[in-house]
Amino acid sequence: MESQVRGGTRWKRFAVVMVPSVAATAAVGISLAQGALAASFSVSGQEFKVTASHLEGWGFAQYGGIDTGYTSTDGKTKIQRPVAISSFDRAEITKMCQSVKTEIPLIGKTIYLRLEAGPNAQQKVEAKNLYIDVAQLDADATFKNIDIGVAVQDKTRGPAVKDGENALPGGFAQQAEKADLRNVKQTAWATTAGTFKLSGLKMRLGGDPKMECY
């Protein structure tokens, strides 16, 4: 049993917050509801879609948080959204696609922005001190040396809790030496990184719904 927990157990098509058990998901939700993870990070009122054929990350940590944003209708009404903050000391991404859908009321049009990078194993997206505020995630995942249920202040992997967050002592977190994700499909509210190298970058803007990553 020990070898299964620490030797890279696989979870097929796990979803929502990259938490590989119902108990872990519930713990994050309860902590948020009780204010134990009182993180606050300001974002726009739009989420975006991301896909990747392979994300390989070292120094992985994840904990709950709350992103503060504004509605896309009037841009004034403040709303808060619970998120799972996934962080990596270092990550390499192959065949990454990112897209965002934007409504333009004044001209009655919908515009799609699509970004692609890291087209192959020789040209990968490279990131350091990477944070992703995840709303939903599907992937095939393998974790190496994973610890579930670590207090935020006691985690030993992943970059420090980022500026703007207030994850209180005792908040729920999980960490792993390495996270290997394939067939990644997710929606997110924010991505930040210390450095973000986009090899083979392509960016397109248009009105075709097929421009979305999925």
N, C-alpha and C. Protein backbone atom coordinates (compact mmCIF):
# COMPACT_ATOMS: atom_id res chain seq x y z
N MET A 1 0.83 -1.21 0.00
CA MET A 1 0.00 0.00 0.00
C MET A 1 0.86 1.26 0.00
N GLU A 2 1.98 1.21 0.73
CA GLU A 2 2.87 2.36 0.77
C GLU A 2 3.41 2.69 -0.60
N SER A 3 3.75 1.64 -1.38
CA SER A 3 4.30 1.88 -2.71
C SER A 3 3.27 2.51 -3.62
N GLN A 4 1.98 2.20 -3.41
CA GLN A 4 0.94 2.80 -4.23
C GLN A 4 0.78 4.27 -3.92
N VAL A 5 0.84 4.63 -2.63
CA VAL A 5 0.63 6.01 -2.25
C VAL A 5 1.80 6.88 -2.66
N ARG A 6 3.02 6.36 -2.49
CA ARG A 6 4.19 7.20 -2.70
C ARG A 6 4.91 6.91 -4.00
N GLY A 7 4.49 5.90 -4.74
CA GLY A 7 5.24 5.53 -5.94
C GLY A 7 4.66 6.02 -7.23
N GLY A 8 3.63 6.86 -7.19
CA GLY A 8 3.10 7.42 -8.43
C GLY A 8 1.77 6.82 -8.82
N THR A 9 0.81 6.82 -7.91
CA THR A 9 -0.53 6.31 -8.20
C THR A 9 -1.18 7.12 -9.31
N ARG A 10 -1.92 6.46 -10.21
CA ARG A 10 -2.60 7.14 -11.31
C ARG A 10 -4.07 7.33 -10.98
N TRP A 11 -4.59 8.49 -11.35
CA TRP A 11 -6.03 8.73 -11.25
C TRP A 11 -6.53 9.07 -12.64
N LYS A 12 -7.46 8.25 -13.18
CA LYS A 12 -7.95 8.41 -14.54
C LYS A 12 -9.06 9.45 -14.61
N ARG A 13 -8.84 10.46 -15.45
CA ARG A 13 -9.85 11.49 -15.71
C ARG A 13 -10.36 12.15 -14.44
N PHE A 14 -9.44 12.50 -13.51
CA PHE A 14 -9.89 13.18 -12.30
C PHE A 14 -10.25 14.60 -12.67
N ALA A 15 -11.18 15.22 -11.89
CA ALA A 15 -11.76 16.47 -12.35
C ALA A 15 -11.83 17.52 -11.26
N VAL A 16 -12.12 18.74 -11.69
CA VAL A 16 -12.48 19.92 -10.93
C VAL A 16 -11.29 20.63 -10.29
N VAL A 17 -10.60 20.04 -9.31
CA VAL A 17 -9.55 20.80 -8.64
C VAL A 17 -8.27 20.03 -8.48
N MET A 18 -8.03 19.03 -9.27
CA MET A 18 -6.81 18.24 -9.23
C MET A 18 -6.60 17.60 -7.86
N VAL A 19 -7.65 17.31 -7.14
CA VAL A 19 -7.56 16.66 -5.84
C VAL A 19 -7.98 15.21 -6.02
N PRO A 20 -7.10 14.25 -5.76
CA PRO A 20 -7.36 12.87 -6.15
C PRO A 20 -8.17 12.06 -5.14
N SER A 21 -9.09 12.68 -4.43
CA SER A 21 -9.99 11.93 -3.57
C SER A 21 -11.16 12.80 -3.19
N VAL A 22 -12.32 12.18 -2.93
CA VAL A 22 -13.50 12.93 -2.52
C VAL A 22 -13.26 13.63 -1.19
N ALA A 23 -12.57 12.97 -0.29
CA ALA A 23 -12.29 13.55 1.02
C ALA A 23 -11.45 14.81 0.90
N ALA A 24 -10.48 14.78 0.03
CA ALA A 24 -9.62 15.96 -0.15
C ALA A 24 -10.41 17.12 -0.73
N THR A 25 -11.28 16.83 -1.71
CA THR A 25 -12.12 17.86 -2.29
C THR A 25 -13.02 18.49 -1.24
N ALA A 26 -13.63 17.66 -0.41
CA ALA A 26 -14.50 18.15 0.65
C ALA A 26 -13.73 19.01 1.64
N ALA A 27 -12.51 18.62 1.94
CA ALA A 27 -11.71 19.37 2.91
C ALA A 27 -11.42 20.78 2.42
N VAL A 28 -11.10 20.91 1.12
CA VAL A 28 -10.86 22.23 0.55
C VAL A 28 -12.13 23.07 0.62
N GLY A 29 -13.26 22.47 0.24
CA GLY A 29 -14.53 23.18 0.25
C GLY A 29 -14.93 23.64 1.64
N ILE A 30 -14.77 22.77 2.63
CA ILE A 30 -15.12 23.11 4.00
C ILE A 30 -14.21 24.21 4.52
N SER A 31 -12.92 24.12 4.22
CA SER A 31 -11.98 25.14 4.67
C SER A 31 -12.33 26.51 4.11
N LEU A 32 -12.72 26.55 2.82
CA LEU A 32 -13.12 27.81 2.21
C LEU A 32 -14.37 28.38 2.89
N ALA A 33 -15.35 27.49 3.13
CA ALA A 33 -16.61 27.93 3.73
C ALA A 33 -16.40 28.48 5.13
N GLN A 34 -15.43 27.91 5.87
CA GLN A 34 -15.18 28.34 7.24
C GLN A 34 -14.18 29.50 7.31
N GLY A 35 -13.68 29.91 6.18
CA GLY A 35 -12.72 31.00 6.16
C GLY A 35 -11.32 30.59 6.51
N ALA A 36 -11.04 29.29 6.54
CA ALA A 36 -9.71 28.82 6.91
C ALA A 36 -8.70 29.08 5.81
N LEU A 37 -9.19 29.30 4.59
CA LEU A 37 -8.32 29.63 3.46
C LEU A 37 -8.77 30.96 2.90
N ALA A 38 -8.53 32.01 3.64
CA ALA A 38 -9.05 33.32 3.27
C ALA A 38 -8.14 34.01 2.27
N ALA A 39 -7.94 33.35 1.12
CA ALA A 39 -7.11 33.95 0.08
C ALA A 39 -7.94 34.91 -0.76
N SER A 40 -7.31 35.96 -1.24
CA SER A 40 -8.02 36.93 -2.08
C SER A 40 -7.08 37.42 -3.15
N PHE A 41 -7.47 37.24 -4.43
CA PHE A 41 -6.62 37.65 -5.54
C PHE A 41 -7.51 38.22 -6.62
N SER A 42 -7.26 39.44 -7.05
CA SER A 42 -8.14 40.13 -7.98
C SER A 42 -7.89 39.68 -9.42
N VAL A 43 -8.97 39.32 -10.13
CA VAL A 43 -8.88 38.87 -11.51
C VAL A 43 -9.97 39.55 -12.33
N SER A 44 -9.91 39.38 -13.66
CA SER A 44 -10.96 39.92 -14.52
C SER A 44 -12.22 39.08 -14.38
N GLY A 45 -13.30 39.52 -15.01
CA GLY A 45 -14.55 38.79 -14.92
C GLY A 45 -14.68 37.67 -15.93
N GLN A 46 -13.59 37.27 -16.56
CA GLN A 46 -13.64 36.24 -17.59
C GLN A 46 -12.70 35.09 -17.27
N GLU A 47 -13.23 33.88 -17.43
CA GLU A 47 -12.36 32.72 -17.32
C GLU A 47 -11.86 32.35 -18.71
N PHE A 48 -10.83 31.53 -18.78
CA PHE A 48 -10.29 31.14 -20.07
C PHE A 48 -10.03 29.64 -20.09
N LYS A 49 -9.91 29.09 -21.29
CA LYS A 49 -9.73 27.66 -21.46
C LYS A 49 -8.28 27.35 -21.83
N VAL A 50 -7.79 26.23 -21.31
CA VAL A 50 -6.43 25.81 -21.60
C VAL A 50 -6.41 24.31 -21.87
N THR A 51 -5.69 23.90 -22.89
CA THR A 51 -5.45 22.47 -23.12
C THR A 51 -3.94 22.27 -23.31
N ALA A 52 -3.50 21.05 -23.06
CA ALA A 52 -2.10 20.68 -23.28
C ALA A 52 -2.03 19.18 -23.43
N SER A 53 -1.16 18.71 -24.31
CA SER A 53 -1.00 17.27 -24.45
C SER A 53 -0.20 16.70 -23.27
N HIS A 54 0.68 17.53 -22.70
CA HIS A 54 1.52 17.05 -21.60
C HIS A 54 1.99 18.23 -20.75
N LEU A 55 1.77 18.15 -19.46
CA LEU A 55 2.31 19.12 -18.50
C LEU A 55 3.14 18.35 -17.49
N GLU A 56 4.41 18.65 -17.42
CA GLU A 56 5.32 18.00 -16.49
C GLU A 56 5.82 19.06 -15.52
N GLY A 57 5.48 18.90 -14.22
CA GLY A 57 5.83 19.92 -13.24
C GLY A 57 6.57 19.36 -12.05
N TRP A 58 7.57 20.10 -11.59
CA TRP A 58 8.36 19.70 -10.43
C TRP A 58 8.11 20.68 -9.29
N GLY A 59 8.09 20.15 -8.06
CA GLY A 59 7.79 20.99 -6.91
C GLY A 59 6.36 21.47 -6.95
N PHE A 60 5.42 20.51 -6.86
CA PHE A 60 3.99 20.81 -7.00
C PHE A 60 3.35 21.01 -5.62
N ALA A 61 2.49 22.02 -5.52
CA ALA A 61 1.67 22.22 -4.32
C ALA A 61 0.33 22.78 -4.74
N GLN A 62 -0.70 22.47 -3.95
CA GLN A 62 -2.05 22.96 -4.25
C GLN A 62 -2.79 23.26 -2.97
N TYR A 63 -3.54 24.36 -2.99
CA TYR A 63 -4.31 24.76 -1.82
C TYR A 63 -5.49 25.60 -2.29
N GLY A 64 -6.47 25.77 -1.42
CA GLY A 64 -7.67 26.52 -1.79
C GLY A 64 -7.46 28.02 -1.68
N GLY A 65 -8.27 28.75 -2.43
CA GLY A 65 -8.21 30.21 -2.39
C GLY A 65 -9.46 30.82 -2.96
N ILE A 66 -9.54 32.13 -2.92
CA ILE A 66 -10.69 32.86 -3.46
C ILE A 66 -10.18 33.97 -4.37
N ASP A 67 -10.63 33.97 -5.62
CA ASP A 67 -10.32 35.06 -6.54
C ASP A 67 -11.45 36.08 -6.50
N THR A 68 -11.10 37.34 -6.37
CA THR A 68 -12.07 38.42 -6.38
C THR A 68 -12.07 39.07 -7.76
N GLY A 69 -13.24 39.18 -8.35
CA GLY A 69 -13.33 39.78 -9.68
C GLY A 69 -14.59 40.62 -9.82
N TYR A 70 -14.91 40.95 -11.06
CA TYR A 70 -16.09 41.76 -11.37
C TYR A 70 -16.88 41.10 -12.49
N THR A 71 -18.17 41.29 -12.49
CA THR A 71 -19.00 40.68 -13.53
C THR A 71 -18.63 41.27 -14.89
N SER A 72 -18.75 40.44 -15.92
CA SER A 72 -18.41 40.90 -17.27
C SER A 72 -19.53 41.75 -17.86
N THR A 73 -20.70 41.80 -17.21
CA THR A 73 -21.81 42.58 -17.75
C THR A 73 -21.65 44.07 -17.49
N ASP A 74 -21.38 44.46 -16.22
CA ASP A 74 -21.24 45.88 -15.94
C ASP A 74 -19.83 46.26 -15.49
N GLY A 75 -19.00 45.28 -15.19
CA GLY A 75 -17.63 45.56 -14.78
C GLY A 75 -17.52 46.25 -13.43
N LYS A 76 -18.62 46.31 -12.69
CA LYS A 76 -18.62 47.01 -11.41
C LYS A 76 -19.00 46.11 -10.23
N THR A 77 -19.87 45.15 -10.49
CA THR A 77 -20.34 44.28 -9.41
C THR A 77 -19.25 43.28 -9.02
N LYS A 78 -18.82 43.34 -7.78
CA LYS A 78 -17.74 42.49 -7.32
C LYS A 78 -18.28 41.11 -6.93
N ILE A 79 -17.60 40.08 -7.35
CA ILE A 79 -17.96 38.71 -6.99
C ILE A 79 -16.70 37.95 -6.58
N GLN A 80 -16.89 36.90 -5.79
CA GLN A 80 -15.77 36.07 -5.35
C GLN A 80 -15.98 34.64 -5.81
N ARG A 81 -14.89 34.01 -6.23
CA ARG A 81 -14.97 32.64 -6.75
C ARG A 81 -13.95 31.76 -6.04
N PRO A 82 -14.37 30.61 -5.49
CA PRO A 82 -13.40 29.68 -4.92
C PRO A 82 -12.60 29.02 -6.03
N VAL A 83 -11.31 28.87 -5.82
CA VAL A 83 -10.44 28.25 -6.81
C VAL A 83 -9.47 27.30 -6.12
N ALA A 84 -8.92 26.39 -6.89
CA ALA A 84 -7.81 25.56 -6.43
C ALA A 84 -6.54 26.14 -7.05
N ILE A 85 -5.63 26.58 -6.22
CA ILE A 85 -4.41 27.20 -6.71
C ILE A 85 -3.34 26.11 -6.85
N SER A 86 -2.98 25.80 -8.08
CA SER A 86 -1.94 24.81 -8.37
C SER A 86 -0.65 25.55 -8.65
N SER A 87 0.41 25.18 -7.96
CA SER A 87 1.68 25.89 -8.13
C SER A 87 2.81 24.90 -8.39
N PHE A 88 3.80 25.36 -9.16
CA PHE A 88 4.95 24.54 -9.54
C PHE A 88 6.22 25.37 -9.42
N ASP A 89 7.28 24.76 -8.90
CA ASP A 89 8.58 25.42 -8.94
C ASP A 89 9.03 25.57 -10.39
N ARG A 90 8.79 24.52 -11.17
CA ARG A 90 9.18 24.52 -12.58
C ARG A 90 8.24 23.62 -13.37
N ALA A 91 7.89 24.01 -14.58
CA ALA A 91 6.99 23.21 -15.40
C ALA A 91 7.39 23.29 -16.87
N GLU A 92 7.15 22.20 -17.59
CA GLU A 92 7.33 22.15 -19.04
C GLU A 92 6.02 21.67 -19.66
N ILE A 93 5.56 22.37 -20.69
CA ILE A 93 4.25 22.09 -21.28
C ILE A 93 4.40 21.88 -22.78
N THR A 94 3.78 20.81 -23.27
CA THR A 94 3.82 20.50 -24.70
C THR A 94 2.44 20.68 -25.32
N LYS A 95 2.40 21.31 -26.49
CA LYS A 95 1.16 21.58 -27.23
C LYS A 95 0.13 22.28 -26.36
N MET A 96 0.50 23.44 -25.90
CA MET A 96 -0.40 24.24 -25.08
C MET A 96 -1.28 25.12 -25.95
N CYS A 97 -2.56 25.20 -25.59
CA CYS A 97 -3.51 26.09 -26.26
C CYS A 97 -4.25 26.86 -25.18
N GLN A 98 -4.40 28.16 -25.38
CA GLN A 98 -5.15 28.99 -24.44
C GLN A 98 -6.11 29.86 -25.24
N SER A 99 -7.37 29.91 -24.83
CA SER A 99 -8.34 30.73 -25.55
C SER A 99 -9.27 31.44 -24.57
N VAL A 100 -9.73 32.61 -25.00
CA VAL A 100 -10.69 33.37 -24.19
C VAL A 100 -11.75 33.95 -25.11
N LYS A 101 -12.98 33.89 -24.66
CA LYS A 101 -14.14 34.39 -25.41
C LYS A 101 -14.55 35.74 -24.82
N THR A 102 -14.67 36.75 -25.66
CA THR A 102 -15.00 38.09 -25.19
C THR A 102 -16.20 38.65 -25.95
N GLU A 103 -17.21 39.07 -25.19
CA GLU A 103 -18.38 39.71 -25.79
C GLU A 103 -18.13 41.21 -25.89
N ILE A 104 -18.44 41.80 -27.04
CA ILE A 104 -18.27 43.23 -27.24
C ILE A 104 -19.65 43.84 -27.44
N PRO A 105 -20.27 44.34 -26.38
CA PRO A 105 -21.66 44.81 -26.44
C PRO A 105 -21.89 45.94 -27.43
N LEU A 106 -20.96 46.86 -27.54
CA LEU A 106 -21.17 48.05 -28.36
C LEU A 106 -21.36 47.72 -29.83
N ILE A 107 -20.71 46.65 -30.28
CA ILE A 107 -20.86 46.27 -31.69
C ILE A 107 -21.59 44.93 -31.86
N GLY A 108 -21.99 44.34 -30.73
CA GLY A 108 -22.76 43.12 -30.77
C GLY A 108 -22.03 41.93 -31.34
N LYS A 109 -20.73 41.83 -31.09
CA LYS A 109 -19.94 40.73 -31.62
C LYS A 109 -19.25 39.95 -30.51
N THR A 110 -18.92 38.71 -30.84
CA THR A 110 -18.14 37.86 -29.94
C THR A 110 -16.78 37.62 -30.59
N ILE A 111 -15.73 37.89 -29.84
CA ILE A 111 -14.37 37.75 -30.34
C ILE A 111 -13.64 36.67 -29.56
N TYR A 112 -12.85 35.88 -30.26
CA TYR A 112 -12.08 34.82 -29.62
C TYR A 112 -10.59 35.09 -29.81
N LEU A 113 -9.85 34.99 -28.71
CA LEU A 113 -8.40 35.11 -28.77
C LEU A 113 -7.82 33.73 -28.49
N ARG A 114 -6.96 33.25 -29.38
CA ARG A 114 -6.37 31.92 -29.24
C ARG A 114 -4.85 32.04 -29.29
N LEU A 115 -4.20 31.39 -28.35
CA LEU A 115 -2.75 31.38 -28.26
C LEU A 115 -2.28 29.94 -28.22
N GLU A 116 -1.28 29.62 -29.05
CA GLU A 116 -0.70 28.29 -29.06
C GLU A 116 0.81 28.39 -28.90
N ALA A 117 1.41 27.41 -28.20
CA ALA A 117 2.86 27.41 -28.01
C ALA A 117 3.32 26.01 -27.60
N GLY A 118 4.63 25.79 -27.65
CA GLY A 118 5.19 24.49 -27.29
C GLY A 118 4.74 23.39 -28.21
N PRO A 119 4.97 23.51 -29.51
CA PRO A 119 4.39 22.58 -30.48
C PRO A 119 4.90 21.15 -30.42
N ASN A 120 6.10 20.93 -29.85
CA ASN A 120 6.65 19.58 -29.82
C ASN A 120 7.64 19.42 -28.66
N ALA A 121 8.21 18.23 -28.54
CA ALA A 121 9.11 17.94 -27.43
C ALA A 121 10.39 18.77 -27.48
N GLN A 122 10.74 19.27 -28.66
CA GLN A 122 11.94 20.08 -28.79
C GLN A 122 11.65 21.57 -28.53
N GLN A 123 10.40 21.95 -28.61
CA GLN A 123 9.99 23.34 -28.37
C GLN A 123 8.85 23.35 -27.35
N LYS A 124 9.19 23.29 -26.09
CA LYS A 124 8.19 23.26 -25.02
C LYS A 124 8.00 24.65 -24.41
N VAL A 125 6.83 24.84 -23.82
CA VAL A 125 6.62 26.01 -22.96
C VAL A 125 7.35 25.74 -21.65
N GLU A 126 8.12 26.70 -21.18
CA GLU A 126 8.85 26.54 -19.93
C GLU A 126 8.44 27.64 -18.95
N ALA A 127 8.16 27.25 -17.71
CA ALA A 127 7.73 28.22 -16.71
C ALA A 127 8.41 27.95 -15.38
N LYS A 128 8.68 29.02 -14.65
CA LYS A 128 9.22 28.92 -13.31
C LYS A 128 8.33 29.71 -12.36
N ASN A 129 8.18 29.18 -11.13
CA ASN A 129 7.29 29.80 -10.15
C ASN A 129 5.91 30.04 -10.76
N LEU A 130 5.31 28.96 -11.23
CA LEU A 130 4.04 29.01 -11.95
C LEU A 130 2.86 28.79 -10.99
N TYR A 131 1.83 29.65 -11.11
CA TYR A 131 0.59 29.53 -10.34
C TYR A 131 -0.59 29.51 -11.31
N ILE A 132 -1.52 28.58 -11.11
CA ILE A 132 -2.73 28.52 -11.93
C ILE A 132 -3.94 28.48 -11.01
N ASP A 133 -4.83 29.45 -11.14
CA ASP A 133 -6.06 29.49 -10.35
C ASP A 133 -7.13 28.73 -11.11
N VAL A 134 -7.35 27.48 -10.74
CA VAL A 134 -8.15 26.54 -11.51
C VAL A 134 -9.61 26.52 -11.06
N ALA A 135 -10.51 26.56 -12.04
CA ALA A 135 -11.94 26.39 -11.77
C ALA A 135 -12.39 24.97 -12.07
N GLN A 136 -11.82 24.36 -13.11
CA GLN A 136 -12.18 23.00 -13.49
C GLN A 136 -11.03 22.38 -14.27
N LEU A 137 -10.80 21.08 -14.04
CA LEU A 137 -9.70 20.40 -14.70
C LEU A 137 -10.01 18.94 -14.95
N ASP A 138 -9.69 18.47 -16.16
CA ASP A 138 -9.72 17.05 -16.50
C ASP A 138 -8.33 16.69 -17.02
N ALA A 139 -7.82 15.53 -16.61
CA ALA A 139 -6.50 15.09 -17.08
C ALA A 139 -6.25 13.66 -16.64
N ASP A 140 -5.25 13.03 -17.24
CA ASP A 140 -4.70 11.77 -16.77
C ASP A 140 -3.45 12.14 -15.97
N ALA A 141 -3.38 11.80 -14.71
CA ALA A 141 -2.34 12.33 -13.85
C ALA A 141 -1.58 11.26 -13.08
N THR A 142 -0.29 11.50 -12.90
CA THR A 142 0.56 10.67 -12.04
C THR A 142 1.33 11.60 -11.12
N PHE A 143 1.30 11.33 -9.81
CA PHE A 143 2.03 12.11 -8.84
C PHE A 143 3.14 11.27 -8.23
N LYS A 144 4.29 11.87 -8.02
CA LYS A 144 5.41 11.18 -7.38
C LYS A 144 5.59 11.74 -5.96
N ASN A 145 5.59 10.82 -4.98
CA ASN A 145 5.76 11.21 -3.58
C ASN A 145 4.76 12.29 -3.17
N ILE A 146 3.48 11.93 -3.20
CA ILE A 146 2.43 12.90 -2.89
C ILE A 146 2.07 12.85 -1.41
N ASP A 147 1.82 14.02 -0.84
CA ASP A 147 1.34 14.17 0.53
C ASP A 147 0.03 14.94 0.47
N ILE A 148 -1.04 14.35 0.98
CA ILE A 148 -2.36 14.98 0.97
C ILE A 148 -2.75 15.35 2.39
N GLY A 149 -3.20 16.58 2.59
CA GLY A 149 -3.63 17.01 3.92
C GLY A 149 -2.56 17.76 4.69
N VAL A 150 -1.59 18.32 3.99
CA VAL A 150 -0.53 19.11 4.63
C VAL A 150 -1.07 20.50 4.95
N ALA A 151 -0.70 21.04 6.11
CA ALA A 151 -1.06 22.42 6.41
C ALA A 151 -0.29 23.36 5.49
N VAL A 152 -0.95 24.42 5.05
CA VAL A 152 -0.34 25.33 4.08
C VAL A 152 1.03 25.81 4.55
N GLN A 153 1.12 26.20 5.82
CA GLN A 153 2.38 26.76 6.30
C GLN A 153 3.48 25.71 6.45
N ASP A 154 3.11 24.42 6.38
CA ASP A 154 4.10 23.35 6.55
C ASP A 154 4.49 22.68 5.24
N LYS A 155 3.94 23.13 4.13
CA LYS A 155 4.31 22.51 2.85
C LYS A 155 5.78 22.79 2.56
N THR A 156 6.45 21.81 1.98
CA THR A 156 7.88 21.94 1.68
C THR A 156 8.15 21.96 0.18
N ARG A 157 7.11 21.84 -0.62
CA ARG A 157 7.27 21.84 -2.07
C ARG A 157 6.43 22.96 -2.67
N GLY A 158 6.82 23.33 -3.88
CA GLY A 158 6.11 24.40 -4.57
C GLY A 158 6.60 25.77 -4.12
N PRO A 159 6.38 26.79 -4.95
CA PRO A 159 6.78 28.16 -4.59
C PRO A 159 5.95 28.69 -3.42
N ALA A 160 6.39 29.77 -2.84
CA ALA A 160 5.70 30.35 -1.70
C ALA A 160 4.30 30.81 -2.09
N VAL A 161 3.41 30.91 -1.10
CA VAL A 161 2.07 31.45 -1.34
C VAL A 161 2.23 32.84 -1.96
N LYS A 162 1.54 33.10 -3.07
CA LYS A 162 1.81 34.32 -3.83
C LYS A 162 1.22 35.56 -3.18
N ASP A 163 1.75 36.71 -3.57
CA ASP A 163 1.28 37.98 -3.04
C ASP A 163 -0.21 38.16 -3.32
N GLY A 164 -0.92 38.71 -2.34
CA GLY A 164 -2.35 38.92 -2.48
C GLY A 164 -3.18 37.83 -1.83
N GLU A 165 -2.54 36.73 -1.45
CA GLU A 165 -3.25 35.63 -0.81
C GLU A 165 -2.99 35.66 0.69
N ASN A 166 -3.94 35.15 1.45
CA ASN A 166 -3.82 35.10 2.90
C ASN A 166 -4.23 33.72 3.39
N ALA A 167 -3.53 32.68 2.91
CA ALA A 167 -3.82 31.32 3.34
C ALA A 167 -3.41 31.20 4.82
N LEU A 168 -4.38 31.03 5.68
CA LEU A 168 -4.12 31.06 7.11
C LEU A 168 -3.47 29.77 7.59
N PRO A 169 -2.72 29.82 8.70
CA PRO A 169 -2.11 28.61 9.28
C PRO A 169 -3.16 27.53 9.50
N GLY A 170 -2.83 26.32 9.13
CA GLY A 170 -3.77 25.21 9.28
C GLY A 170 -4.61 24.96 8.05
N GLY A 171 -4.51 25.82 7.03
CA GLY A 171 -5.27 25.62 5.80
C GLY A 171 -4.84 24.35 5.09
N PHE A 172 -5.78 23.72 4.40
CA PHE A 172 -5.53 22.44 3.71
C PHE A 172 -4.67 22.64 2.47
N ALA A 173 -3.71 21.73 2.29
CA ALA A 173 -2.87 21.75 1.08
C ALA A 173 -2.44 20.32 0.76
N GLN A 174 -1.95 20.13 -0.44
CA GLN A 174 -1.33 18.88 -0.82
C GLN A 174 -0.11 19.20 -1.67
N GLN A 175 0.84 18.28 -1.71
CA GLN A 175 2.09 18.55 -2.41
C GLN A 175 2.66 17.25 -2.96
N ALA A 176 3.53 17.38 -3.96
CA ALA A 176 4.17 16.22 -4.56
C ALA A 176 5.52 16.64 -5.14
N GLU A 177 6.43 15.68 -5.19
CA GLU A 177 7.73 15.95 -5.78
C GLU A 177 7.59 16.28 -7.26
N LYS A 178 6.67 15.55 -7.92
CA LYS A 178 6.46 15.77 -9.34
C LYS A 178 5.02 15.46 -9.71
N ALA A 179 4.47 16.23 -10.64
CA ALA A 179 3.13 15.99 -11.18
C ALA A 179 3.25 15.84 -12.69
N ASP A 180 2.72 14.74 -13.20
CA ASP A 180 2.79 14.46 -14.63
C ASP A 180 1.37 14.36 -15.16
N LEU A 181 0.93 15.33 -15.95
CA LEU A 181 -0.44 15.39 -16.44
C LEU A 181 -0.46 15.29 -17.96
N ARG A 182 -1.35 14.45 -18.47
CA ARG A 182 -1.51 14.29 -19.91
C ARG A 182 -2.97 14.53 -20.29
N ASN A 183 -3.18 14.96 -21.53
CA ASN A 183 -4.53 15.24 -22.03
C ASN A 183 -5.25 16.24 -21.13
N VAL A 184 -4.57 17.34 -20.86
CA VAL A 184 -5.08 18.36 -19.94
C VAL A 184 -6.15 19.20 -20.62
N LYS A 185 -7.24 19.41 -19.89
CA LYS A 185 -8.32 20.29 -20.36
C LYS A 185 -8.84 21.02 -19.11
N GLN A 186 -8.74 22.34 -19.10
CA GLN A 186 -9.13 23.06 -17.89
C GLN A 186 -9.68 24.44 -18.20
N THR A 187 -10.41 24.99 -17.22
CA THR A 187 -10.78 26.39 -17.23
C THR A 187 -10.12 27.03 -16.01
N ALA A 188 -9.69 28.26 -16.17
CA ALA A 188 -8.97 28.94 -15.10
C ALA A 188 -9.32 30.42 -15.10
N TRP A 189 -9.05 31.06 -13.96
CA TRP A 189 -9.30 32.49 -13.84
C TRP A 189 -8.01 33.31 -13.94
N ALA A 190 -6.88 32.70 -13.62
CA ALA A 190 -5.64 33.45 -13.66
C ALA A 190 -4.45 32.50 -13.75
N THR A 191 -3.40 32.96 -14.41
CA THR A 191 -2.11 32.26 -14.46
C THR A 191 -1.02 33.30 -14.26
N THR A 192 -0.10 33.03 -13.34
CA THR A 192 1.04 33.91 -13.15
C THR A 192 2.30 33.07 -13.06
N ALA A 193 3.43 33.67 -13.45
CA ALA A 193 4.70 32.95 -13.41
C ALA A 193 5.84 33.94 -13.29
N GLY A 194 6.93 33.47 -12.65
CA GLY A 194 8.12 34.31 -12.56
C GLY A 194 8.73 34.49 -13.94
N THR A 195 8.84 33.41 -14.69
CA THR A 195 9.26 33.46 -16.09
C THR A 195 8.36 32.51 -16.88
N PHE A 196 8.06 32.88 -18.11
CA PHE A 196 7.16 32.09 -18.95
C PHE A 196 7.69 32.14 -20.38
N LYS A 197 8.36 31.08 -20.82
CA LYS A 197 8.96 31.03 -22.15
C LYS A 197 8.03 30.29 -23.10
N LEU A 198 7.55 30.99 -24.13
CA LEU A 198 6.57 30.44 -25.07
C LEU A 198 7.27 30.16 -26.40
N SER A 199 7.83 28.98 -26.54
CA SER A 199 8.48 28.60 -27.80
C SER A 199 7.43 28.31 -28.86
N GLY A 200 7.69 28.75 -30.09
CA GLY A 200 6.76 28.52 -31.19
C GLY A 200 5.43 29.20 -31.00
N LEU A 201 5.43 30.39 -30.44
CA LEU A 201 4.19 31.10 -30.13
C LEU A 201 3.41 31.49 -31.38
N LYS A 202 2.10 31.22 -31.35
CA LYS A 202 1.17 31.67 -32.39
C LYS A 202 -0.05 32.28 -31.71
N MET A 203 -0.48 33.45 -32.16
CA MET A 203 -1.64 34.11 -31.58
C MET A 203 -2.58 34.54 -32.68
N ARG A 204 -3.87 34.26 -32.49
CA ARG A 204 -4.88 34.59 -33.49
C ARG A 204 -6.08 35.26 -32.82
N LEU A 205 -6.75 36.13 -33.56
CA LEU A 205 -7.94 36.82 -33.08
C LEU A 205 -9.00 36.75 -34.16
N GLY A 206 -10.24 36.34 -33.79
CA GLY A 206 -11.28 36.24 -34.79
C GLY A 206 -12.64 35.94 -34.19
N GLY A 207 -13.62 35.76 -35.06
CA GLY A 207 -14.99 35.57 -34.59
C GLY A 207 -15.52 34.16 -34.72
N ASP A 208 -14.67 33.20 -35.13
CA ASP A 208 -15.09 31.82 -35.32
C ASP A 208 -15.05 31.06 -33.98
N PRO A 209 -16.18 30.51 -33.49
CA PRO A 209 -16.21 29.76 -32.24
C PRO A 209 -15.24 28.58 -32.23
N LYS A 210 -14.86 28.08 -33.41
CA LYS A 210 -13.94 26.96 -33.48
C LYS A 210 -12.52 27.35 -33.03
N MET A 211 -12.30 28.64 -32.80
CA MET A 211 -11.00 29.08 -32.33
C MET A 211 -10.76 28.72 -30.86
N GLU A 212 -11.85 28.40 -30.14
CA GLU A 212 -11.67 28.00 -28.75
C GLU A 212 -10.90 26.68 -28.69
N CYS A 213 -10.13 26.50 -27.63
CA CYS A 213 -9.29 25.31 -27.50
C CYS A 213 -10.12 24.03 -27.37
N TYR A 214 -11.33 24.15 -26.79
CA TYR A 214 -12.26 23.01 -26.74
C TYR A 214 -13.66 23.53 -26.52
